[in-house]
N, C-alpha and C. Protein backbone atom coordinates (compact mmCIF):
# COMPACT_ATOMS: atom_id res chain seq x y z
N MET A 1 19.62 -22.73 -2.11
CA MET A 1 18.83 -21.58 -1.37
C MET A 1 17.64 -21.78 0.31
N LEU A 2 18.09 -21.58 1.38
CA LEU A 2 17.79 -22.55 2.50
C LEU A 2 16.59 -21.62 3.44
N LEU A 3 15.48 -21.86 3.80
CA LEU A 3 14.80 -20.83 4.67
C LEU A 3 14.86 -21.01 5.41
N ALA A 4 15.39 -19.51 6.03
CA ALA A 4 14.58 -19.33 8.08
C ALA A 4 13.88 -17.92 8.00
N ARG A 5 13.88 -18.21 9.23
CA ARG A 5 13.61 -17.55 10.32
C ARG A 5 14.47 -15.63 11.34
N VAL A 6 14.10 -14.35 11.07
CA VAL A 6 14.98 -14.06 10.87
C VAL A 6 14.73 -13.57 12.59
N ILE A 7 15.55 -14.31 13.93
CA ILE A 7 15.39 -14.84 15.38
C ILE A 7 16.00 -13.21 16.19
N GLY A 8 16.85 -12.31 15.94
CA GLY A 8 18.40 -11.30 17.05
C GLY A 8 19.08 -10.67 15.96
N ASN A 9 19.65 -10.30 16.72
CA ASN A 9 20.83 -8.80 16.31
C ASN A 9 21.87 -9.92 16.89
N VAL A 10 22.75 -9.14 16.57
CA VAL A 10 24.83 -9.79 16.84
C VAL A 10 25.42 -8.12 16.71
N VAL A 11 25.48 -7.42 17.88
CA VAL A 11 26.75 -6.16 18.47
C VAL A 11 27.68 -6.68 18.68
N ALA A 12 28.33 -6.61 17.51
CA ALA A 12 30.02 -7.26 17.45
C ALA A 12 30.58 -5.73 18.76
N THR A 13 31.66 -5.64 18.72
CA THR A 13 32.53 -4.86 19.33
C THR A 13 33.59 -4.26 17.86
N ARG A 14 34.24 -5.83 17.85
CA ARG A 14 35.32 -5.46 17.36
C ARG A 14 34.60 -6.47 16.34
N LYS A 15 35.75 -6.90 14.90
CA LYS A 15 35.24 -7.94 14.18
C LYS A 15 36.11 -7.97 13.34
N ASP A 16 35.98 -8.93 12.48
CA ASP A 16 36.82 -8.84 11.06
C ASP A 16 36.85 -7.58 10.15
N ALA A 17 37.93 -7.36 9.14
CA ALA A 17 37.33 -6.05 9.03
C ALA A 17 36.75 -5.65 7.52
N GLY A 18 36.98 -7.52 6.98
CA GLY A 18 35.86 -7.61 5.70
C GLY A 18 34.33 -7.49 6.47
N LEU A 19 34.22 -7.38 7.16
CA LEU A 19 33.14 -7.52 8.01
C LEU A 19 32.23 -6.23 8.05
N ALA A 20 33.40 -5.53 8.06
CA ALA A 20 33.40 -3.90 8.29
C ALA A 20 31.67 -3.39 7.14
N GLY A 21 31.24 -2.44 7.51
CA GLY A 21 29.77 -2.37 7.08
C GLY A 21 28.22 -3.09 7.75
N THR A 22 28.18 -4.29 7.98
CA THR A 22 27.79 -5.40 7.55
C THR A 22 26.72 -5.65 8.24
N LYS A 23 25.22 -5.70 8.41
CA LYS A 23 24.70 -5.87 9.57
C LYS A 23 24.30 -7.90 10.08
N LEU A 24 25.53 -8.63 11.11
CA LEU A 24 24.89 -9.40 11.85
C LEU A 24 23.68 -10.53 11.85
N LEU A 25 22.74 -11.22 11.91
CA LEU A 25 21.30 -11.63 11.72
C LEU A 25 21.61 -12.21 12.97
N VAL A 26 21.01 -12.69 13.93
CA VAL A 26 20.88 -14.58 13.47
C VAL A 26 19.60 -15.40 13.14
N ILE A 27 19.38 -15.91 12.88
CA ILE A 27 18.36 -16.86 12.01
C ILE A 27 17.61 -18.10 13.07
N GLN A 28 16.73 -18.44 12.27
CA GLN A 28 17.35 -19.73 12.86
C GLN A 28 16.31 -21.08 11.35
N PRO A 29 16.74 -21.81 11.27
CA PRO A 29 16.26 -22.50 10.24
C PRO A 29 15.08 -23.28 10.36
N LEU A 30 14.59 -22.39 9.00
CA LEU A 30 12.61 -23.67 9.10
C LEU A 30 12.43 -24.69 8.18
N ARG A 31 11.21 -25.50 7.77
CA ARG A 31 11.52 -26.60 7.43
C ARG A 31 10.25 -26.00 6.36
N PRO A 32 10.75 -25.63 4.76
CA PRO A 32 8.98 -25.18 4.01
C PRO A 32 7.28 -24.66 4.96
N ASP A 33 7.32 -25.70 5.86
CA ASP A 33 6.03 -25.51 6.88
C ASP A 33 6.35 -24.64 7.24
N ARG A 34 7.25 -24.53 7.99
CA ARG A 34 7.97 -22.99 8.63
C ARG A 34 7.41 -23.19 9.86
N THR A 35 8.46 -24.68 10.65
CA THR A 35 9.22 -25.25 12.19
C THR A 35 9.82 -25.17 12.18
N SER A 36 10.60 -24.85 13.05
CA SER A 36 11.35 -24.81 13.79
C SER A 36 12.90 -26.60 12.86
N VAL A 37 13.89 -26.10 12.11
CA VAL A 37 15.16 -27.30 11.74
C VAL A 37 16.24 -27.10 12.09
N GLY A 38 17.07 -27.46 13.20
CA GLY A 38 18.31 -27.21 13.40
C GLY A 38 18.67 -26.44 14.54
N ARG A 39 19.60 -25.97 14.89
CA ARG A 39 20.53 -24.61 15.36
C ARG A 39 20.18 -23.27 15.22
N PRO A 40 20.13 -22.34 15.66
CA PRO A 40 20.26 -21.02 14.72
C PRO A 40 21.91 -20.80 14.88
N LEU A 41 22.17 -19.91 13.51
CA LEU A 41 23.29 -19.63 13.17
C LEU A 41 23.11 -18.23 12.36
N VAL A 42 24.48 -17.31 12.30
CA VAL A 42 24.37 -16.48 11.96
C VAL A 42 24.82 -15.52 10.60
N ALA A 43 24.36 -14.97 10.20
CA ALA A 43 24.35 -14.30 9.03
C ALA A 43 24.76 -13.10 8.75
N VAL A 44 25.07 -12.77 7.63
CA VAL A 44 25.17 -11.59 7.28
C VAL A 44 23.62 -10.97 6.42
N ASP A 45 23.73 -10.08 6.54
CA ASP A 45 22.52 -8.63 5.88
C ASP A 45 22.25 -8.04 4.71
N THR A 46 21.92 -8.95 3.30
CA THR A 46 22.70 -8.14 2.23
C THR A 46 21.27 -8.03 1.51
N VAL A 47 20.38 -7.70 2.41
CA VAL A 47 18.89 -6.90 1.89
C VAL A 47 17.98 -6.38 3.20
N GLY A 48 18.54 -6.38 4.64
CA GLY A 48 18.01 -5.02 4.87
C GLY A 48 16.90 -5.98 4.96
N VAL A 49 17.22 -6.48 6.52
CA VAL A 49 15.93 -7.27 6.97
C VAL A 49 16.35 -7.01 8.37
N GLY A 50 14.23 -7.70 9.33
CA GLY A 50 14.04 -7.83 10.94
C GLY A 50 13.94 -8.23 11.06
N ALA A 51 14.58 -8.57 12.55
CA ALA A 51 13.39 -9.32 13.21
C ALA A 51 12.25 -9.78 12.92
N GLY A 52 11.80 -10.98 12.91
CA GLY A 52 9.98 -11.85 12.46
C GLY A 52 9.99 -12.36 11.62
N GLU A 53 11.25 -12.16 9.98
CA GLU A 53 10.08 -11.40 8.81
C GLU A 53 11.37 -12.79 8.63
N ASP A 54 10.53 -13.80 7.63
CA ASP A 54 12.05 -14.69 6.90
C ASP A 54 12.18 -15.18 5.74
N VAL A 55 13.18 -15.70 5.51
CA VAL A 55 14.05 -14.90 4.75
C VAL A 55 14.86 -16.51 3.89
N PHE A 56 14.64 -16.20 2.59
CA PHE A 56 16.19 -17.10 1.77
C PHE A 56 17.20 -16.57 2.48
N TYR A 57 18.85 -17.67 2.61
CA TYR A 57 19.61 -17.75 3.06
C TYR A 57 21.25 -18.07 2.33
N VAL A 58 22.31 -18.47 2.19
CA VAL A 58 23.05 -19.53 1.41
C VAL A 58 23.53 -19.35 2.36
N ARG A 59 24.34 -20.55 2.03
CA ARG A 59 25.99 -21.00 2.86
C ARG A 59 27.06 -21.34 1.63
N GLY A 60 27.88 -21.39 3.17
CA GLY A 60 28.96 -21.71 2.43
C GLY A 60 29.87 -20.46 0.58
N ARG A 61 30.39 -21.19 0.57
CA ARG A 61 31.41 -20.33 -0.67
C ARG A 61 30.40 -18.78 -1.03
N GLU A 62 28.89 -19.19 -1.79
CA GLU A 62 28.10 -19.14 -2.67
C GLU A 62 27.88 -17.45 -1.54
N ALA A 63 27.40 -17.33 0.76
CA ALA A 63 27.52 -16.80 0.95
C ALA A 63 28.25 -15.38 0.23
N ALA A 64 29.39 -15.56 -0.13
CA ALA A 64 29.92 -14.43 -0.32
C ALA A 64 29.14 -13.92 -1.72
N PHE A 65 29.54 -14.27 -2.24
CA PHE A 65 28.91 -13.32 -3.67
C PHE A 65 28.13 -12.92 -3.86
N PRO A 66 27.43 -12.16 -2.68
CA PRO A 66 26.76 -10.79 -2.87
C PRO A 66 27.88 -9.79 -2.77
N PHE A 67 29.13 -9.74 -2.87
CA PHE A 67 29.86 -8.48 -1.86
C PHE A 67 31.04 -8.59 -2.37
N LEU A 68 30.83 -9.76 -4.56
CA LEU A 68 32.00 -9.41 -4.99
C LEU A 68 31.76 -7.57 -5.83
N PRO A 69 32.69 -7.72 -5.65
CA PRO A 69 34.28 -7.90 -5.85
C PRO A 69 35.09 -7.99 -4.11
N ASP A 70 35.10 -7.51 -3.74
CA ASP A 70 34.97 -7.07 -1.81
C ASP A 70 34.92 -8.51 -1.09
N GLU A 71 35.93 -9.11 -0.41
CA GLU A 71 36.28 -9.89 0.11
C GLU A 71 34.92 -10.08 1.53
N VAL A 72 34.84 -10.47 1.62
CA VAL A 72 33.66 -10.64 3.16
C VAL A 72 33.54 -12.27 3.06
N PRO A 73 34.34 -12.03 4.40
CA PRO A 73 34.13 -13.92 5.11
C PRO A 73 33.32 -14.19 5.59
N THR A 74 32.19 -14.75 5.40
CA THR A 74 30.96 -15.58 5.30
C THR A 74 31.75 -16.62 5.55
N ASP A 75 30.37 -17.45 5.67
CA ASP A 75 29.54 -18.88 5.52
C ASP A 75 28.61 -19.32 5.32
N ALA A 76 27.72 -17.53 6.27
CA ALA A 76 26.61 -18.16 6.17
C ALA A 76 25.20 -15.83 5.63
N ALA A 77 24.86 -16.62 4.86
CA ALA A 77 24.02 -14.65 4.12
C ALA A 77 22.86 -15.21 3.43
N ILE A 78 22.17 -13.66 4.06
CA ILE A 78 20.87 -13.81 3.94
C ILE A 78 21.04 -13.04 2.42
N VAL A 79 19.78 -13.43 1.51
CA VAL A 79 20.22 -13.08 0.20
C VAL A 79 18.47 -12.15 -0.29
N GLY A 80 17.02 -12.55 -0.07
CA GLY A 80 16.28 -12.29 -0.26
C GLY A 80 15.69 -13.04 1.83
N VAL A 81 13.66 -12.29 0.83
CA VAL A 81 13.08 -11.72 2.01
C VAL A 81 12.02 -13.02 1.56
N VAL A 82 10.88 -13.19 1.96
CA VAL A 82 9.57 -14.57 1.34
C VAL A 82 8.61 -13.46 1.55
N ASP A 83 7.92 -13.20 1.25
CA ASP A 83 6.41 -12.89 0.86
C ASP A 83 5.88 -13.80 1.36
N ARG A 84 5.68 -14.79 1.03
CA ARG A 84 4.58 -15.51 0.24
C ARG A 84 4.81 -16.71 0.34
N ILE A 85 4.87 -18.13 1.19
CA ILE A 85 4.54 -19.60 0.73
C ILE A 85 3.93 -20.36 -0.03
N SER A 86 3.26 -20.85 -0.20
CA SER A 86 2.10 -21.74 -0.43
C SER A 86 2.33 -23.18 -2.04
N LEU A 87 1.60 -24.14 -0.65
CA LEU A 87 2.29 -25.85 -0.98
C LEU A 87 1.01 -26.35 -1.62
N GLY A 88 0.86 -26.84 -2.56
CA GLY A 88 0.51 -28.29 -2.76
C GLY A 88 -0.56 -27.71 -4.06
């Protein structure tokens, strides 16, 4: 799992039928110290989060697993909400 912050949402008037009923969010990947790293990306929300929340996400084939047995065409999915991080 990877760490990110939700920075926006995506409004799509047309999308693949496999994405019907899903919410698309823009996320910014983060380092463990919560500083930004890399470029923002779009992920499917599986847990019901909002802007400003820190989340866990997965990429690749695993991103479609939360939707099984449905086939959702995604390569990034939010799978958890971060409540707290303790370093050290």
